[in-house]
Amino acid sequence: MNNFFGLLLIPVFLLTVAGCSRQDQQMAPLPDFEQLVLNSYIEPYKTGDIERWLDIFADDAVGMHNTLPALEGKQALRRFAETVHSTFTIEQLDVTVDSVITEGNWALTRGNFVADFVPQDAGAENRSNPRQGKYILLWERQDDGTWKIILDMGNNNSP
């Protein structure tokens, strides 16, 4: 009979510990999302460090940009970044973080960007002006306490 109660208490204990662990995560200080955007997203993307750029994304992250179909998962994001970097020279990619909203294990960063992606085969006469646009990044706190992007949306202000 004692073994029965012992076996019954093990799941209760494990659920209690797991619940406390998740609660401790929710009480942990929030990261500086502006620095995460600048240092873990923009800087590696600008320099072509695709592996480092992908580290900030959850495995099942989705990217939604301009007229492209949704990019679902890290492999789709990798192919997108590889295509961009093999086709364009990134002369400018500057962002501002205008707003950070957090709620429990979720965070949303919203801001604006200025981007100048020059086709590698374009002559000076075919250069366009930098594009301005806006973006939203939706973040989720992972089980290990890190924050990862689960949704990356952005588009230009004009066609």
Protein backbone atom coordinates (compact mmCIF):
# COMPACT_ATOMS: atom_id res chain seq x y z
CA MET A 1 0.00 0.00 0.00
CA ASN A 2 2.88 2.41 0.81
CA ASN A 3 4.36 1.78 -2.64
CA PHE A 4 1.03 2.70 -4.24
CA PHE A 5 0.94 6.09 -2.49
CA GLY A 6 4.60 6.66 -3.32
CA LEU A 7 3.93 5.99 -7.00
CA LEU A 8 0.90 8.25 -6.87
CA LEU A 9 2.88 11.13 -5.35
CA ILE A 10 5.68 11.03 -7.96
CA PRO A 11 3.57 12.52 -10.82
CA VAL A 12 2.13 15.14 -8.44
CA PHE A 13 5.66 16.10 -7.38
CA LEU A 14 6.88 16.26 -10.99
CA LEU A 15 3.94 18.42 -12.06
CA THR A 16 4.54 20.75 -9.12
CA VAL A 17 8.24 21.11 -9.97
CA ALA A 18 7.46 21.70 -13.67
CA GLY A 19 4.86 24.30 -12.76
CA CYS A 20 7.30 26.11 -10.48
CA SER A 21 9.96 26.03 -13.17
CA ARG A 22 7.60 27.63 -15.73
CA GLN A 23 6.49 30.19 -13.14
CA ASP A 24 10.14 31.02 -12.37
CA GLN A 25 10.69 31.61 -16.10
CA GLN A 26 7.77 34.00 -16.23
CA MET A 27 9.23 35.93 -13.30
CA ALA A 28 12.72 36.07 -14.86
CA PRO A 29 13.73 39.52 -16.12
CA LEU A 30 12.85 40.24 -19.72
CA PRO A 31 15.64 40.61 -22.24
CA ASP A 32 16.40 43.92 -23.92
CA PHE A 33 14.39 43.24 -27.07
CA GLU A 34 15.86 46.24 -28.88
CA GLN A 35 19.34 44.77 -28.45
CA LEU A 36 18.10 41.33 -29.50
CA VAL A 37 16.68 42.82 -32.70
CA LEU A 38 19.85 44.79 -33.45
CA ASN A 39 22.50 42.26 -32.39
CA SER A 40 20.86 38.90 -33.09
CA TYR A 41 18.75 39.73 -36.15
CA ILE A 42 19.96 42.83 -38.03
CA GLU A 43 23.74 42.61 -37.54
CA PRO A 44 24.14 38.95 -38.60
CA TYR A 45 21.73 39.44 -41.50
CA LYS A 46 23.66 42.48 -42.76
CA THR A 47 26.97 40.64 -42.60
CA GLY A 48 25.63 37.44 -44.17
CA ASP A 49 26.15 35.33 -41.04
CA ILE A 50 23.06 33.26 -41.83
CA GLU A 51 23.67 30.60 -39.16
CA ARG A 52 23.89 33.23 -36.43
CA TRP A 53 20.81 34.98 -37.84
CA LEU A 54 18.85 31.70 -37.80
CA ASP A 55 19.71 31.16 -34.11
CA ILE A 56 17.18 33.83 -33.08
CA PHE A 57 14.31 31.92 -34.75
CA ALA A 58 12.24 29.06 -33.36
CA ASP A 59 12.40 25.92 -35.51
CA ASP A 60 8.85 26.44 -36.75
CA ALA A 61 9.12 30.22 -37.27
CA VAL A 62 7.25 31.85 -40.14
CA GLY A 63 8.49 34.75 -42.27
CA MET A 64 6.01 36.91 -44.19
CA HIS A 65 7.44 39.63 -46.42
CA ASN A 66 6.01 41.78 -49.20
CA THR A 67 4.59 39.67 -52.03
CA LEU A 68 6.36 36.42 -51.11
CA PRO A 69 4.53 33.34 -49.92
CA ALA A 70 4.90 32.54 -46.22
CA LEU A 71 8.30 31.05 -45.39
CA GLU A 72 7.56 28.24 -42.95
CA GLY A 73 10.38 26.88 -40.79
CA LYS A 74 14.09 27.52 -40.48
CA GLN A 75 14.97 25.76 -43.72
CA ALA A 76 12.70 28.07 -45.71
CA LEU A 77 14.19 31.06 -43.90
CA ARG A 78 17.70 29.76 -44.68
CA ARG A 79 16.92 29.43 -48.41
CA PHE A 80 15.46 32.94 -48.43
CA ALA A 81 18.53 34.46 -46.74
CA GLU A 82 20.91 32.53 -49.02
CA THR A 83 19.04 33.80 -52.09
CA VAL A 84 19.10 37.39 -50.84
CA HIS A 85 22.82 37.27 -50.08
CA SER A 86 23.73 35.63 -53.39
CA THR A 87 21.65 38.15 -55.36
CA PHE A 88 22.08 41.45 -53.51
CA THR A 89 24.69 43.50 -51.74
CA ILE A 90 23.20 44.89 -48.56
CA GLU A 91 24.38 48.48 -48.47
CA GLN A 92 22.00 49.58 -45.75
CA LEU A 93 19.70 47.88 -43.28
CA ASP A 94 18.80 50.09 -40.36
CA VAL A 95 15.91 49.57 -37.98
CA THR A 96 14.21 51.34 -35.15
CA VAL A 97 12.27 49.53 -32.47
CA ASP A 98 9.25 51.71 -31.84
CA SER A 99 7.34 49.48 -29.46
CA VAL A 100 7.79 46.40 -27.30
CA ILE A 101 4.73 44.73 -25.82
CA THR A 102 5.08 41.76 -23.50
CA GLU A 103 2.54 39.43 -21.97
CA GLY A 104 3.72 36.33 -20.13
CA ASN A 105 5.70 34.17 -22.54
CA TRP A 106 4.95 36.39 -25.53
CA ALA A 107 6.49 39.59 -26.79
CA LEU A 108 5.94 41.72 -29.85
CA THR A 109 8.43 44.20 -31.27
CA ARG A 110 7.27 46.72 -33.84
CA GLY A 111 9.29 49.22 -35.76
CA ASN A 112 10.50 50.70 -39.03
CA PHE A 113 13.37 49.97 -41.37
CA VAL A 114 15.39 51.55 -44.14
CA ALA A 115 16.94 49.02 -46.52
CA ASP A 116 19.14 49.38 -49.57
CA PHE A 117 19.65 46.00 -51.24
CA VAL A 118 21.53 46.51 -54.50
CA PRO A 119 21.41 43.76 -57.14
CA GLN A 120 24.95 42.46 -57.56
CA ASP A 121 24.70 42.74 -61.32
CA ALA A 122 23.20 46.27 -61.35
CA GLY A 123 25.10 49.15 -62.81
CA ALA A 124 25.05 52.58 -61.18
CA GLU A 125 22.26 53.69 -63.52
CA ASN A 126 19.99 50.86 -62.30
CA ARG A 127 20.29 51.62 -58.60
CA SER A 128 17.15 52.43 -56.71
CA ASN A 129 16.69 54.49 -53.59
CA PRO A 130 16.63 52.81 -50.20
CA ARG A 131 13.23 51.42 -49.28
CA GLN A 132 11.41 52.32 -46.11
CA GLY A 133 9.05 49.94 -44.40
CA LYS A 134 7.72 48.52 -41.19
CA TYR A 135 7.99 45.20 -39.38
CA ILE A 136 6.62 43.13 -36.54
CA LEU A 137 8.48 40.35 -34.75
CA LEU A 138 6.50 38.02 -32.50
CA TRP A 139 8.62 36.32 -29.85
CA GLU A 140 7.93 33.35 -27.62
CA ARG A 141 9.83 32.35 -24.50
CA GLN A 142 11.13 28.82 -25.02
CA ASP A 143 11.19 26.06 -22.40
CA ASP A 144 14.88 26.80 -21.75
CA GLY A 145 14.07 30.47 -20.98
CA THR A 146 15.43 31.92 -24.23
CA TRP A 147 13.31 34.10 -26.48
CA LYS A 148 12.90 33.12 -30.14
CA ILE A 149 11.13 34.76 -33.06
CA ILE A 150 8.10 32.75 -34.16
CA LEU A 151 6.74 35.27 -36.67
CA ASP A 152 8.72 37.78 -38.76
CA MET A 153 6.56 40.14 -40.82
CA GLY A 154 7.70 43.14 -42.81
CA ASN A 155 6.84 45.11 -45.90
CA ASN A 156 7.80 48.24 -47.76
CA ASN A 157 5.80 51.45 -47.33
CA SER A 158 5.56 51.87 -51.10
CA PRO A 159 5.70 49.49 -54.08
